[in-house]
Every structure is written in C-alpha cells, then in structure tokens.
PDB file of N, CA and C in Angstrom:
ATOM      1  N   MET A   1       0.717  -1.186   0.105  1.00  0.00           N
ATOM      2  CA  MET A   1       0.028   0.042   0.048  1.00  0.00           C
ATOM      3  C   MET A   1       0.845   1.407   0.053  1.00  0.00           C
ATOM      4  N   ILE A   2       1.785   1.065   0.661  1.00  0.00           N
ATOM      5  CA  ILE A   2       2.774   2.508   0.987  1.00  0.00           C
ATOM      6  C   ILE A   2       3.342   2.590  -0.588  1.00  0.00           C
ATOM      7  N   TYR A   3       3.978   1.451  -1.186  1.00  0.00           N
ATOM      8  CA  TYR A   3       4.673   1.664  -2.447  1.00  0.00           C
ATOM      9  C   TYR A   3       3.508   2.211  -3.675  1.00  0.00           C
ATOM     10  N   GLU A   4       2.212   1.632  -3.385  1.00  0.00           N
ATOM     11  CA  GLU A   4       1.188   2.145  -4.502  1.00  0.00           C
ATOM     12  C   GLU A   4       1.049   3.554  -4.217  1.00  0.00           C
ATOM     13  N   SER A   5       1.058   4.097  -3.195  1.00  0.00           N
ATOM     14  CA  SER A   5       0.556   5.675  -2.705  1.00  0.00           C
ATOM     15  C   SER A   5       2.049   6.523  -3.382  1.00  0.00           C
ATOM     16  N   LEU A   6       3.205   6.008  -3.061  1.00  0.00           N
ATOM     17  CA  LEU A   6       4.325   6.667  -3.653  1.00  0.00           C
ATOM     18  C   LEU A   6       4.097   6.878  -5.167  1.00  0.00           C
ATOM     19  N   ILE A   7       3.808   5.729  -5.830  1.00  0.00           N
ATOM     20  CA  ILE A   7       3.644   5.644  -7.263  1.00  0.00           C
ATOM     21  C   ILE A   7       2.595   6.690  -7.665  1.00  0.00           C
ATOM     22  N   GLU A   8       1.483   6.740  -6.931  1.00  0.00           N
ATOM     23  CA  GLU A   8       0.620   7.686  -7.289  1.00  0.00           C
ATOM     24  C   GLU A   8       0.950   9.107  -7.151  1.00  0.00           C
ATOM     25  N   VAL A   9       1.635   9.470  -6.152  1.00  0.00           N
ATOM     26  CA  VAL A   9       2.313  10.820  -5.952  1.00  0.00           C
ATOM     27  C   VAL A   9       3.308  11.185  -7.139  1.00  0.00           C
ATOM     28  N   LEU A  10       3.975  10.298  -7.351  1.00  0.00           N
ATOM     29  CA  LEU A  10       4.872  10.624  -8.506  1.00  0.00           C
ATOM     30  C   LEU A  10       4.162  10.790  -9.898  1.00  0.00           C
ATOM     31  N   SER A  11       3.225   9.912 -10.049  1.00  0.00           N
ATOM     32  CA  SER A  11       2.473  10.029 -11.241  1.00  0.00           C
ATOM     33  C   SER A  11       1.679  11.275 -11.432  1.00  0.00           C
ATOM     34  N   LYS A  12       1.323  11.766 -10.350  1.00  0.00           N
ATOM     35  CA  LYS A  12       0.636  13.013 -10.326  1.00  0.00           C
ATOM     36  C   LYS A  12       1.667  14.157 -10.514  1.00  0.00           C
ATOM     37  N   VAL A  13       2.715  14.101 -10.066  1.00  0.00           N
ATOM     38  CA  VAL A  13       3.913  15.042 -10.169  1.00  0.00           C
ATOM     39  C   VAL A  13       4.200  15.111 -11.688  1.00  0.00           C
ATOM     40  N   ARG A  14       4.468  13.941 -12.101  1.00  0.00           N
ATOM     41  CA  ARG A  14       4.730  13.820 -13.737  1.00  0.00           C
ATOM     42  C   ARG A  14       3.837  14.447 -14.475  1.00  0.00           C
ATOM     43  N   ASP A  15       2.317  14.013 -14.227  1.00  0.00           N
ATOM     44  CA  ASP A  15       1.395  14.644 -15.022  1.00  0.00           C
ATOM     45  C   ASP A  15       1.151  16.111 -15.033  1.00  0.00           C
ATOM     46  N   ALA A  16       1.424  16.736 -13.784  1.00  0.00           N
ATOM     47  CA  ALA A  16       1.502  18.105 -13.505  1.00  0.00           C
ATOM     48  C   ALA A  16       2.630  18.740 -14.314  1.00  0.00           C
ATOM     49  N   THR A  17       3.758  18.131 -14.314  1.00  0.00           N
ATOM     50  CA  THR A  17       4.908  18.620 -14.712  1.00  0.00           C
ATOM     51  C   THR A  17       4.612  18.847 -16.404  1.00  0.00           C
ATOM     52  N   ARG A  18       4.007  17.461 -17.127  1.00  0.00           N
ATOM     53  CA  ARG A  18       3.771  17.611 -18.282  1.00  0.00           C
ATOM     54  C   ARG A  18       2.775  18.520 -18.796  1.00  0.00           C
ATOM     55  N   LEU A  19       1.885  19.024 -17.785  1.00  0.00           N
ATOM     56  CA  LEU A  19       1.042  20.208 -18.270  1.00  0.00           C
ATOM     57  C   LEU A  19       1.536  21.535 -18.138  1.00  0.00           C
ATOM     58  N   GLY A  20       2.847  21.486 -17.681  1.00  0.00           N
ATOM     59  CA  GLY A  20       3.465  22.702 -17.562  1.00  0.00           C
ATOM     60  C   GLY A  20       3.208  23.426 -15.974  1.00  0.00           C
ATOM     61  N   LEU A  21       2.516  22.805 -15.207  1.00  0.00           N
ATOM     62  CA  LEU A  21       2.159  23.349 -13.808  1.00  0.00           C
ATOM     63  C   LEU A  21       3.156  23.268 -12.927  1.00  0.00           C
ATOM     64  N   ILE A  22       4.216  22.297 -13.157  1.00  0.00           N
ATOM     65  CA  ILE A  22       5.370  22.162 -12.303  1.00  0.00           C
ATOM     66  C   ILE A  22       6.552  22.400 -12.990  1.00  0.00           C
ATOM     67  N   HIS A  23       7.553  23.086 -12.887  1.00  0.00           N
ATOM     68  CA  HIS A  23       8.693  23.393 -13.732  1.00  0.00           C
ATOM     69  C   HIS A  23       9.737  23.039 -12.933  1.00  0.00           C
ATOM     70  N   TRP A  24      10.744  22.101 -13.545  1.00  0.00           N
ATOM     71  CA  TRP A  24      12.037  21.680 -12.844  1.00  0.00           C
ATOM     72  C   TRP A  24      13.297  22.384 -13.289  1.00  0.00           C
ATOM     73  N   GLN A  25      14.051  22.895 -12.323  1.00  0.00           N
ATOM     74  CA  GLN A  25      15.149  23.468 -12.800  1.00  0.00           C
ATOM     75  C   GLN A  25      16.356  22.751 -12.288  1.00  0.00           C
ATOM     76  N   LYS A  26      17.377  22.690 -13.093  1.00  0.00           N
ATOM     77  CA  LYS A  26      18.806  21.915 -12.909  1.00  0.00           C
ATOM     78  C   LYS A  26      19.537  23.007 -11.588  1.00  0.00           C
ATOM     79  N   GLU A  27      19.644  22.568 -10.450  1.00  0.00           N
ATOM     80  CA  GLU A  27      20.531  23.320  -9.546  1.00  0.00           C
ATOM     81  C   GLU A  27      22.127  23.336  -9.750  1.00  0.00           C
ATOM     82  N   ASN A  28      22.498  21.841  -9.713  1.00  0.00           N
ATOM     83  CA  ASN A  28      23.736  21.392 -10.054  1.00  0.00           C
ATOM     84  C   ASN A  28      23.656  20.135 -10.681  1.00  0.00           C
ATOM     85  N   ALA A  29      24.722  19.306 -10.890  1.00  0.00           N
ATOM     86  CA  ALA A  29      24.800  18.060 -11.533  1.00  0.00           C
ATOM     87  C   ALA A  29      23.860  17.107 -10.675  1.00  0.00           C
ATOM     88  N   GLU A  30      23.636  17.219  -9.421  1.00  0.00           N
ATOM     89  CA  GLU A  30      22.941  16.185  -8.576  1.00  0.00           C
ATOM     90  C   GLU A  30      21.617  16.719  -8.322  1.00  0.00           C
ATOM     91  N   LEU A  31      21.393  17.938  -8.371  1.00  0.00           N
ATOM     92  CA  LEU A  31      20.144  18.426  -7.564  1.00  0.00           C
ATOM     93  C   LEU A  31      19.147  19.105  -8.679  1.00  0.00           C
ATOM     94  N   TYR A  32      17.717  18.929  -8.546  1.00  0.00           N
ATOM     95  CA  TYR A  32      16.843  19.282  -9.433  1.00  0.00           C
ATOM     96  C   TYR A  32      15.894  19.989  -8.278  1.00  0.00           C
ATOM     97  N   SER A  33      15.198  20.993  -8.710  1.00  0.00           N
ATOM     98  CA  SER A  33      14.132  21.665  -7.881  1.00  0.00           C
ATOM     99  C   SER A  33      12.968  22.058  -8.657  1.00  0.00           C
ATOM    100  N   ALA A  34      11.890  22.187  -7.850  1.00  0.00           N
ATOM    101  CA  ALA A  34      10.806  22.926  -8.564  1.00  0.00           C
ATOM    102  C   ALA A  34      10.087  23.544  -7.373  1.00  0.00           C
ATOM    103  N   LYS A  35       9.100  24.521  -7.620  1.00  0.00           N
ATOM    104  CA  LYS A  35       8.263  25.190  -6.518  1.00  0.00           C
ATOM    105  C   LYS A  35       6.814  25.026  -7.148  1.00  0.00           C
ATOM    106  N   VAL A  36       5.977  24.833  -6.182  1.00  0.00           N
ATOM    107  CA  VAL A  36       4.575  25.020  -6.256  1.00  0.00           C
ATOM    108  C   VAL A  36       4.177  25.790  -5.371  1.00  0.00           C
ATOM    109  N   GLY A  37       3.735  27.120  -5.653  1.00  0.00           N
ATOM    110  CA  GLY A  37       3.450  28.034  -4.760  1.00  0.00           C
ATOM    111  C   GLY A  37       4.625  28.354  -4.039  1.00  0.00           C
ATOM    112  N   GLU A  38       4.451  28.388  -2.590  1.00  0.00           N
ATOM    113  CA  GLU A  38       5.822  28.590  -1.845  1.00  0.00           C
ATOM    114  C   GLU A  38       6.443  27.096  -1.393  1.00  0.00           C
ATOM    115  N   GLN A  39       5.839  26.172  -1.770  1.00  0.00           N
ATOM    116  CA  GLN A  39       6.355  24.705  -1.664  1.00  0.00           C
ATOM    117  C   GLN A  39       7.593  24.367  -2.543  1.00  0.00           C
ATOM    118  N   GLU A  40       8.559  23.660  -1.971  1.00  0.00           N
ATOM    119  CA  GLU A  40       9.564  23.221  -2.982  1.00  0.00           C
ATOM    120  C   GLU A  40       9.522  21.545  -2.919  1.00  0.00           C
ATOM    121  N   LEU A  41      10.024  21.115  -4.039  1.00  0.00           N
ATOM    122  CA  LEU A  41      10.124  19.860  -4.440  1.00  0.00           C
ATOM    123  C   LEU A  41      11.518  19.751  -5.017  1.00  0.00           C
ATOM    124  N   PHE A  42      12.252  18.520  -4.441  1.00  0.00           N
ATOM    125  CA  PHE A  42      13.643  18.347  -4.753  1.00  0.00           C
ATOM    126  C   PHE A  42      13.731  16.876  -5.258  1.00  0.00           C
ATOM    127  N   MET A  43      14.845  16.640  -6.234  1.00  0.00           N
ATOM    128  CA  MET A  43      15.211  15.321  -6.534  1.00  0.00           C
ATOM    129  C   MET A  43      16.896  15.507  -6.253  1.00  0.00           C
ATOM    130  N   TRP A  44      17.445  14.710  -5.532  1.00  0.00           N
ATOM    131  CA  TRP A  44      18.899  14.657  -5.293  1.00  0.00           C
ATOM    132  C   TRP A  44      19.334  13.258  -5.921  1.00  0.00           C
ATOM    133  N   PHE A  45      20.240  13.335  -6.731  1.00  0.00           N
ATOM    134  CA  PHE A  45      20.812  12.106  -7.359  1.00  0.00           C
ATOM    135  C   PHE A  45      22.042  11.531  -6.329  1.00  0.00           C
ATOM    136  N   LEU A  46      21.826  10.388  -5.855  1.00  0.00           N
ATOM    137  CA  LEU A  46      23.056   9.863  -5.061  1.00  0.00           C
ATOM    138  C   LEU A  46      23.706   8.872  -5.661  1.00  0.00           C
ATOM    139  N   TYR A  47      24.984   9.076  -5.554  1.00  0.00           N
ATOM    140  CA  TYR A  47      26.171   7.999  -6.422  1.00  0.00           C
ATOM    141  C   TYR A  47      26.436   6.922  -5.436  1.00  0.00           C
ATOM    142  N   VAL A  48      26.527   5.853  -5.872  1.00  0.00           N
ATOM    143  CA  VAL A  48      27.054   4.727  -5.359  1.00  0.00           C
ATOM    144  C   VAL A  48      28.230   4.216  -6.188  1.00  0.00           C
ATOM    145  N   GLU A  49      29.425   3.830  -5.299  1.00  0.00           N
ATOM    146  CA  GLU A  49      30.606   3.085  -6.054  1.00  0.00           C
ATOM    147  C   GLU A  49      30.831   1.745  -5.492  1.00  0.00           C
ATOM    148  N   PRO A  50      30.463   0.830  -6.135  1.00  0.00           N
ATOM    149  CA  PRO A  50      30.641  -0.567  -5.780  1.00  0.00           C
ATOM    150  C   PRO A  50      32.129  -0.773  -5.471  1.00  0.00           C
ATOM    151  N   THR A  51      32.329  -1.651  -4.593  1.00  0.00           N
ATOM    152  CA  THR A  51      33.651  -2.041  -4.188  1.00  0.00           C
ATOM    153  C   THR A  51      34.635  -2.626  -5.233  1.00  0.00           C
ATOM    154  N   ASN A  52      33.924  -3.438  -6.236  1.00  0.00           N
ATOM    155  CA  ASN A  52      34.646  -4.286  -7.022  1.00  0.00           C
ATOM    156  C   ASN A  52      34.614  -3.529  -8.254  1.00  0.00           C
ATOM    157  N   ARG A  53      34.494  -2.214  -8.538  1.00  0.00           N
ATOM    158  CA  ARG A  53      34.972  -1.683  -9.826  1.00  0.00           C
ATOM    159  C   ARG A  53      35.094  -0.167  -9.566  1.00  0.00           C
ATOM    160  N   VAL A  54      35.691   0.471 -10.498  1.00  0.00           N
ATOM    161  CA  VAL A  54      35.844   1.907 -10.302  1.00  0.00           C
ATOM    162  C   VAL A  54      34.854   2.851 -10.916  1.00  0.00           C
ATOM    163  N   GLY A  55      34.331   3.589 -10.319  1.00  0.00           N
ATOM    164  CA  GLY A  55      33.580   4.702 -10.858  1.00  0.00           C
ATOM    165  C   GLY A  55      32.037   4.537 -10.132  1.00  0.00           C
ATOM    166  N   ALA A  56      31.490   5.629  -9.986  1.00  0.00           N
ATOM    167  CA  ALA A  56      30.410   5.758  -9.301  1.00  0.00           C
ATOM    168  C   ALA A  56      29.080   6.034 -10.184  1.00  0.00           C
ATOM    169  N   ASP A  57      27.866   5.244  -9.875  1.00  0.00           N
ATOM    170  CA  ASP A  57      26.776   5.559 -10.725  1.00  0.00           C
ATOM    171  C   ASP A  57      25.561   6.337 -10.029  1.00  0.00           C
ATOM    172  N   LYS A  58      24.734   7.036 -10.686  1.00  0.00           N
ATOM    173  CA  LYS A  58      23.616   7.625 -10.094  1.00  0.00           C
ATOM    174  C   LYS A  58      22.493   6.509  -9.879  1.00  0.00           C
ATOM    175  N   LEU A  59      22.427   5.781  -8.706  1.00  0.00           N
ATOM    176  CA  LEU A  59      21.696   4.588  -8.368  1.00  0.00           C
ATOM    177  C   LEU A  59      20.640   4.800  -7.536  1.00  0.00           C
ATOM    178  N   PHE A  60      20.383   6.167  -7.028  1.00  0.00           N
ATOM    179  CA  PHE A  60      19.219   6.480  -6.447  1.00  0.00           C
ATOM    180  C   PHE A  60      18.878   7.851  -6.426  1.00  0.00           C
ATOM    181  N   ILE A  61      17.694   8.122  -6.136  1.00  0.00           N
ATOM    182  CA  ILE A  61      17.220   9.576  -6.154  1.00  0.00           C
ATOM    183  C   ILE A  61      16.492   9.891  -4.814  1.00  0.00           C
ATOM    184  N   ASP A  62      16.781  11.014  -4.260  1.00  0.00           N
ATOM    185  CA  ASP A  62      16.367  11.233  -2.840  1.00  0.00           C
ATOM    186  C   ASP A  62      15.347  12.233  -3.317  1.00  0.00           C
ATOM    187  N   PHE A  63      14.073  11.812  -3.255  1.00  0.00           N
ATOM    188  CA  PHE A  63      12.915  12.666  -3.688  1.00  0.00           C
ATOM    189  C   PHE A  63      12.217  13.221  -2.640  1.00  0.00           C
ATOM    190  N   SER A  64      11.936  14.403  -2.556  1.00  0.00           N
ATOM    191  CA  SER A  64      11.402  15.178  -1.282  1.00  0.00           C
ATOM    192  C   SER A  64      10.336  16.291  -1.813  1.00  0.00           C
ATOM    193  N   MET A  65       9.074  16.202  -1.324  1.00  0.00           N
ATOM    194  CA  MET A  65       7.985  17.491  -1.557  1.00  0.00           C
ATOM    195  C   MET A  65       7.205  17.354  -0.158  1.00  0.00           C
ATOM    196  N   PRO A  66       6.480  18.337   0.111  1.00  0.00           N
ATOM    197  CA  PRO A  66       5.689  18.378   1.348  1.00  0.00           C
ATOM    198  C   PRO A  66       5.068  17.015   1.523  1.00  0.00           C
ATOM    199  N   GLY A  67       5.188  16.352   2.566  1.00  0.00           N
ATOM    200  CA  GLY A  67       4.397  15.331   2.869  1.00  0.00           C
ATOM    201  C   GLY A  67       5.090  14.025   2.342  1.00  0.00           C
ATOM    202  N   THR A  68       6.071  13.975   1.700  1.00  0.00           N
ATOM    203  CA  THR A  68       6.720  12.745   1.047  1.00  0.00           C
ATOM    204  C   THR A  68       7.823  12.858   0.843  1.00  0.00           C
ATOM    205  N   THR A  69       8.931  11.955   1.333  1.00  0.00           N
ATOM    206  CA  THR A  69      10.267  11.750   1.282  1.00  0.00           C
ATOM    207  C   THR A  69      10.476  10.205   0.878  1.00  0.00           C
ATOM    208  N   ALA A  70      11.334  10.072  -0.071  1.00  0.00           N
ATOM    209  CA  ALA A  70      11.655   8.737  -0.363  1.00  0.00           C
ATOM    210  C   ALA A  70      12.884   8.425  -1.278  1.00  0.00           C
ATOM    211  N   PHE A  71      13.503   7.364  -1.121  1.00  0.00           N
ATOM    212  CA  PHE A  71      14.709   7.022  -1.832  1.00  0.00           C
ATOM    213  C   PHE A  71      14.359   6.051  -2.923  1.00  0.00           C
ATOM    214  N   LEU A  72      14.612   6.561  -4.220  1.00  0.00           N
ATOM    215  CA  LEU A  72      13.962   5.890  -5.274  1.00  0.00           C
ATOM    216  C   LEU A  72      15.321   4.899  -5.907  1.00  0.00           C
ATOM    217  N   ALA A  73      15.080   3.830  -6.031  1.00  0.00           N
ATOM    218  CA  ALA A  73      16.189   2.829  -6.501  1.00  0.00           C
ATOM    219  C   ALA A  73      16.260   2.701  -8.110  1.00  0.00           C
ATOM    220  N   SER A  74      17.414   2.859  -8.643  1.00  0.00           N
ATOM    221  CA  SER A  74      17.539   2.760 -10.006  1.00  0.00           C
ATOM    222  C   SER A  74      16.791   1.483 -10.505  1.00  0.00           C
ATOM    223  N   GLY A  75      16.225   1.524 -11.542  1.00  0.00           N
ATOM    224  CA  GLY A  75      15.440   0.270 -12.094  1.00  0.00           C
ATOM    225  C   GLY A  75      14.168   0.053 -11.626  1.00  0.00           C
ATOM    226  N   SER A  76      13.727   0.598 -10.703  1.00  0.00           N
ATOM    227  CA  SER A  76      12.175   0.647 -10.191  1.00  0.00           C
ATOM    228  C   SER A  76      11.467   1.669 -10.835  1.00  0.00           C
ATOM    229  N   GLU A  77      10.034   1.180 -10.692  1.00  0.00           N
ATOM    230  CA  GLU A  77       9.027   1.956 -11.312  1.00  0.00           C
ATOM    231  C   GLU A  77       9.251   3.384 -10.831  1.00  0.00           C
ATOM    232  N   ALA A  78       9.321   3.628  -9.461  1.00  0.00           N
ATOM    233  CA  ALA A  78       9.410   4.744  -8.964  1.00  0.00           C
ATOM    234  C   ALA A  78      10.724   5.720  -9.466  1.00  0.00           C
ATOM    235  N   TYR A  79      11.835   5.215  -9.572  1.00  0.00           N
ATOM    236  CA  TYR A  79      12.870   5.825 -10.272  1.00  0.00           C
ATOM    237  C   TYR A  79      12.623   6.269 -11.680  1.00  0.00           C
ATOM    238  N   CYS A  80      12.068   5.249 -12.532  1.00  0.00           N
ATOM    239  CA  CYS A  80      11.630   5.750 -13.802  1.00  0.00           C
ATOM    240  C   CYS A  80      10.630   6.936 -13.959  1.00  0.00           C
ATOM    241  N   LEU A  81       9.603   6.808 -12.886  1.00  0.00           N
ATOM    242  CA  LEU A  81       8.500   7.981 -12.995  1.00  0.00           C
ATOM    243  C   LEU A  81       9.381   9.259 -12.836  1.00  0.00           C
ATOM    244  N   ALA A  82      10.440   9.265 -11.780  1.00  0.00           N
ATOM    245  CA  ALA A  82      11.214  10.615 -11.494  1.00  0.00           C
ATOM    246  C   ALA A  82      11.866  10.770 -12.885  1.00  0.00           C
ATOM    247  N   ILE A  83      12.564   9.788 -13.626  1.00  0.00           N
ATOM    248  CA  ILE A  83      13.086  10.297 -14.800  1.00  0.00           C
ATOM    249  C   ILE A  83      12.178  10.796 -15.926  1.00  0.00           C
ATOM    250  N   GLU A  84      11.073  10.339 -15.782  1.00  0.00           N
ATOM    251  CA  GLU A  84      10.104  10.789 -16.754  1.00  0.00           C
ATOM    252  C   GLU A  84       9.517  12.363 -16.333  1.00  0.00           C
ATOM    253  N   ILE A  85       9.623  12.397 -14.956  1.00  0.00           N
ATOM    254  CA  ILE A  85       9.336  13.795 -14.374  1.00  0.00           C
ATOM    255  C   ILE A  85      10.133  14.795 -15.064  1.00  0.00           C
ATOM    256  N   LEU A  86      11.745  14.593 -14.814  1.00  0.00           N
ATOM    257  CA  LEU A  86      12.746  15.369 -15.320  1.00  0.00           C
ATOM    258  C   LEU A  86      12.834  15.532 -16.916  1.00  0.00           C
ATOM    259  N   GLY A  87      12.304  14.351 -17.680  1.00  0.00           N
ATOM    260  CA  GLY A  87      12.406  14.565 -19.158  1.00  0.00           C
ATOM    261  C   GLY A  87      11.029  15.313 -19.487  1.00  0.00           C
ATOM    262  N   SER A  88      10.116  15.489 -18.693  1.00  0.00           N
ATOM    263  CA  SER A  88       8.948  16.329 -19.108  1.00  0.00           C
ATOM    264  C   SER A  88       9.321  17.840 -19.078  1.00  0.00           C
ATOM    265  N   SER A  89      10.419  18.146 -18.350  1.00  0.00           N
ATOM    266  CA  SER A  89      10.793  19.658 -18.130  1.00  0.00           C
ATOM    267  C   SER A  89      12.089  20.035 -18.375  1.00  0.00           C
ATOM    268  N   VAL A  90      13.192  19.086 -18.406  1.00  0.00           N
ATOM    269  CA  VAL A  90      14.489  19.529 -18.606  1.00  0.00           C
ATOM    270  C   VAL A  90      15.046  18.918 -19.951  1.00  0.00           C
ATOM    271  N   ASP A  91      15.648  19.530 -20.736  1.00  0.00           N
ATOM    272  CA  ASP A  91      15.860  19.226 -22.170  1.00  0.00           C
ATOM    273  C   ASP A  91      16.806  18.226 -22.167  1.00  0.00           C
ATOM    274  N   SER A  92      17.871  18.167 -21.401  1.00  0.00           N
ATOM    275  CA  SER A  92      18.870  17.261 -21.226  1.00  0.00           C
ATOM    276  C   SER A  92      18.555  15.830 -20.957  1.00  0.00           C
ATOM    277  N   TRP A  93      17.497  15.759 -20.159  1.00  0.00           N
ATOM    278  CA  TRP A  93      16.716  14.609 -19.802  1.00  0.00           C
ATOM    279  C   TRP A  93      16.065  14.131 -20.794  1.00  0.00           C
ATOM    280  N   ARG A  94      15.303  14.745 -21.454  1.00  0.00           N
ATOM    281  CA  ARG A  94      14.552  14.535 -22.750  1.00  0.00           C
ATOM    282  C   ARG A  94      15.480  13.574 -23.740  1.00  0.00           C
ATOM    283  N   GLU A  95      16.685  14.292 -23.869  1.00  0.00           N
ATOM    284  CA  GLU A  95      17.749  13.450 -24.848  1.00  0.00           C
ATOM    285  C   GLU A  95      18.178  12.111 -24.218  1.00  0.00           C
ATOM    286  N   HIS A  96      18.363  12.238 -22.945  1.00  0.00           N
ATOM    287  CA  HIS A  96      18.866  10.963 -22.119  1.00  0.00           C
ATOM    288  C   HIS A  96      17.766   9.914 -22.251  1.00  0.00           C
ATOM    289  N   ILE A  97      16.519  10.130 -22.317  1.00  0.00           N
ATOM    290  CA  ILE A  97      15.427   9.164 -22.161  1.00  0.00           C
ATOM    291  C   ILE A  97      15.410   8.638 -23.598  1.00  0.00           C
ATOM    292  N   ALA A  98      15.470   9.523 -24.594  1.00  0.00           N
ATOM    293  CA  ALA A  98      15.521   9.016 -26.004  1.00  0.00           C
ATOM    294  C   ALA A  98      16.875   8.200 -26.264  1.00  0.00           C
ATOM    295  N   SER A  99      17.909   8.362 -25.499  1.00  0.00           N
ATOM    296  CA  SER A  99      19.075   7.303 -25.513  1.00  0.00           C
ATOM    297  C   SER A  99      18.638   6.162 -24.959  1.00  0.00           C
ATOM    298  N   ILE A 100      18.109   6.259 -23.848  1.00  0.00           N
ATOM    299  CA  ILE A 100      17.746   4.975 -23.058  1.00  0.00           C
ATOM    300  C   ILE A 100      16.717   4.170 -24.084  1.00  0.00           C
ATOM    301  N   GLN A 101      15.715   4.799 -24.359  1.00  0.00           N
ATOM    302  CA  GLN A 101      14.757   3.967 -25.079  1.00  0.00           C
ATOM    303  C   GLN A 101      15.413   3.300 -26.406  1.00  0.00           C
ATOM    304  N   SER A 102      16.287   4.218 -27.159  1.00  0.00           N
ATOM    305  CA  SER A 102      16.882   3.474 -28.287  1.00  0.00           C
ATOM    306  C   SER A 102      17.683   2.364 -27.877  1.00  0.00           C
ATOM    307  N   GLY A 103      18.453   2.288 -26.568  1.00  0.00           N
ATOM    308  CA  GLY A 103      19.242   1.125 -26.104  1.00  0.00           C
ATOM    309  C   GLY A 103      18.138   0.063 -25.769  1.00  0.00           C
ATOM    310  N   HIS A 104      16.932   0.243 -25.429  1.00  0.00           N
ATOM    311  CA  HIS A 104      16.106  -0.572 -24.950  1.00  0.00           C
ATOM    312  C   HIS A 104      15.641  -1.233 -26.353  1.00  0.00           C
ATOM    313  N   ALA A 105      15.312  -0.513 -27.301  1.00  0.00           N
ATOM    314  CA  ALA A 105      14.807  -1.089 -28.655  1.00  0.00           C
ATOM    315  C   ALA A 105      15.815  -1.940 -29.321  1.00  0.00           C
ATOM    316  N   PHE A 106      17.137  -1.656 -29.411  1.00  0.00           N
ATOM    317  CA  PHE A 106      18.152  -2.732 -29.667  1.00  0.00           C
ATOM    318  C   PHE A 106      18.187  -3.707 -28.885  1.00  0.00           C
ATOM    319  N   SER A 107      18.107  -3.863 -27.566  1.00  0.00           N
ATOM    320  CA  SER A 107      18.007  -4.985 -26.740  1.00  0.00           C
ATOM    321  C   SER A 107      16.892  -5.771 -27.266  1.00  0.00           C
ATOM    322  N   LEU A 108      15.893  -5.186 -27.394  1.00  0.00           N
ATOM    323  CA  LEU A 108      14.608  -6.138 -27.678  1.00  0.00           C
ATOM    324  C   LEU A 108      14.680  -6.838 -29.035  1.00  0.00           C
ATOM    325  N   SER A 109      15.214  -6.030 -30.044  1.00  0.00           N
ATOM    326  CA  SER A 109      15.777  -6.571 -31.421  1.00  0.00           C
ATOM    327  C   SER A 109      16.724  -7.688 -31.291  1.00  0.00           C
ATOM    328  N   PHE A 110      17.638  -7.484 -30.558  1.00  0.00           N
ATOM    329  CA  PHE A 110      18.595  -8.553 -30.444  1.00  0.00           C
ATOM    330  C   PHE A 110      18.102 -10.018 -29.700  1.00  0.00           C
ATOM    331  N   LEU A 111      17.268  -9.708 -28.676  1.00  0.00           N
ATOM    332  CA  LEU A 111      16.496 -10.664 -28.189  1.00  0.00           C
ATOM    333  C   LEU A 111      15.723 -11.460 -28.976  1.00  0.00           C
ATOM    334  N   GLU A 112      14.844 -10.742 -29.947  1.00  0.00           N
ATOM    335  CA  GLU A 112      13.887 -11.182 -31.070  1.00  0.00           C
ATOM    336  C   GLU A 112      14.723 -12.220 -31.883  1.00  0.00           C
ATOM    337  N   ASN A 113      15.819 -11.638 -32.409  1.00  0.00           N
ATOM    338  CA  ASN A 113      16.650 -12.339 -33.195  1.00  0.00           C
ATOM    339  C   ASN A 113      17.190 -13.559 -32.753  1.00  0.00           C
ATOM    340  N   THR A 114      17.759 -13.385 -31.567  1.00  0.00           N
ATOM    341  CA  THR A 114      18.240 -14.470 -30.930  1.00  0.00           C
ATOM    342  C   THR A 114      17.479 -15.644 -30.610  1.00  0.00           C
ATOM    343  N   THR A 115      16.176 -15.394 -30.043  1.00  0.00           N
ATOM    344  CA  THR A 115      15.324 -16.302 -29.996  1.00  0.00           C
ATOM    345  C   THR A 115      14.747 -17.169 -31.320  1.00  0.00           C
ATOM    346  N   ARG A 116      14.598 -16.093 -32.308  1.00  0.00           N
ATOM    347  CA  ARG A 116      14.193 -16.718 -33.611  1.00  0.00           C
ATOM    348  C   ARG A 116      15.141 -17.727 -34.167  1.00  0.00           C
ATOM    349  N   ASP A 117      16.401 -17.030 -33.819  1.00  0.00           N
ATOM    350  CA  ASP A 117      17.457 -18.089 -34.627  1.00  0.00           C
ATOM    351  C   ASP A 117      17.403 -19.544 -33.799  1.00  0.00           C
ATOM    352  N   GLN A 118      17.523 -19.349 -32.434  1.00  0.00           N
ATOM    353  CA  GLN A 118      17.437 -20.669 -31.695  1.00  0.00           C
ATOM    354  C   GLN A 118      16.396 -21.558 -31.679  1.00  0.00           C
ATOM    355  N   HIS A 119      15.109 -21.019 -32.125  1.00  0.00           N
ATOM    356  CA  HIS A 119      14.059 -21.566 -32.430  1.00  0.00           C
ATOM    357  C   HIS A 119      14.187 -22.391 -33.891  1.00  0.00           C
ATOM    358  N   ARG A 120      14.734 -21.756 -34.852  1.00  0.00           N
ATOM    359  CA  ARG A 120      14.859 -22.388 -35.940  1.00  0.00           C
ATOM    360  C   ARG A 120      15.921 -23.538 -36.173  1.00  0.00           C
ATOM    361  N   GLY A 121      16.936 -23.363 -35.041  1.00  0.00           N
ATOM    362  CA  GLY A 121      17.806 -24.376 -34.926  1.00  0.00           C
ATOM    363  C   GLY A 121      17.327 -25.570 -34.365  1.00  0.00           C
ATOM    364  N   GLU A 122      16.117 -25.466 -33.693  1.00  0.00           N
ATOM    365  CA  GLU A 122      15.618 -26.652 -33.023  1.00  0.00           C
ATOM    366  C   GLU A 122      14.595 -27.648 -33.810  1.00  0.00           C
ATOM    367  N   ARG A 123      14.574 -26.888 -35.037  1.00  0.00           N
ATOM    368  CA  ARG A 123      13.622 -27.812 -36.126  1.00  0.00           C
ATOM    369  C   ARG A 123      14.421 -28.703 -36.688  1.00  0.00           C
TER     370      ARG A 123
END
C-alpha cells in the first residue's frame, strides 16, 4: 500500500509537470528543484561506487516534497517515474530518455533475433 501511494504521488507530479504546472530546474549536477506556490520539491541524485569496480553511478534519487520523502532505486518504477518527470521539463533529460529508449529497442531486437534463430535451430 505504501509503494502504491508513492507511485500515485510521483504519477501526479509527472502529469502536472507534463501539463506545465510544475517546472523543474537544474541546480547542479546532482540536484533538481521545483516550486509549487511556496512549497519546494527536490530530486537529489545519489551516487554509489561498488567496491568491485571503479566509478560511481546515479543509483538512487532522494525525492522530497511536502508530505513525501523517498529514496528511489535505479530500475524501479518509482525511479523511472522520476526520470520521466525530469524528461518532461529538462531538455538534457529528454535527450537522455531518448538514448535509453534507443538502447532498449536495440536489446529487444537482439533478443527477438536470438530467440528466433535459436528456435529455427531446434527444427
């Protein structure tokens, strides 16, 4: 129930952003903010560096707004909604989302070809 209500909050923020009612701005490489009236909303990207490789990645978003604070994990529905929110308001994120979708299309094509070729080999 808690997760569902978080998804509902993020979906409504996304929809309001798409309608132009909420405008996000980049404060720095890790922080995005928006204002609704006098209230502020924030998304902080948090980096994690695994011990078995070099380099850190944006694996979490610390999302906060009046009444809601949550850590969103990369790959989760909530994280994807947060990325859609930014993509609805920040040009560089629109481009990043297009790149992600292109990669997914390539992966799907690869998998379709692989499974089709494997299926043909079984005949």
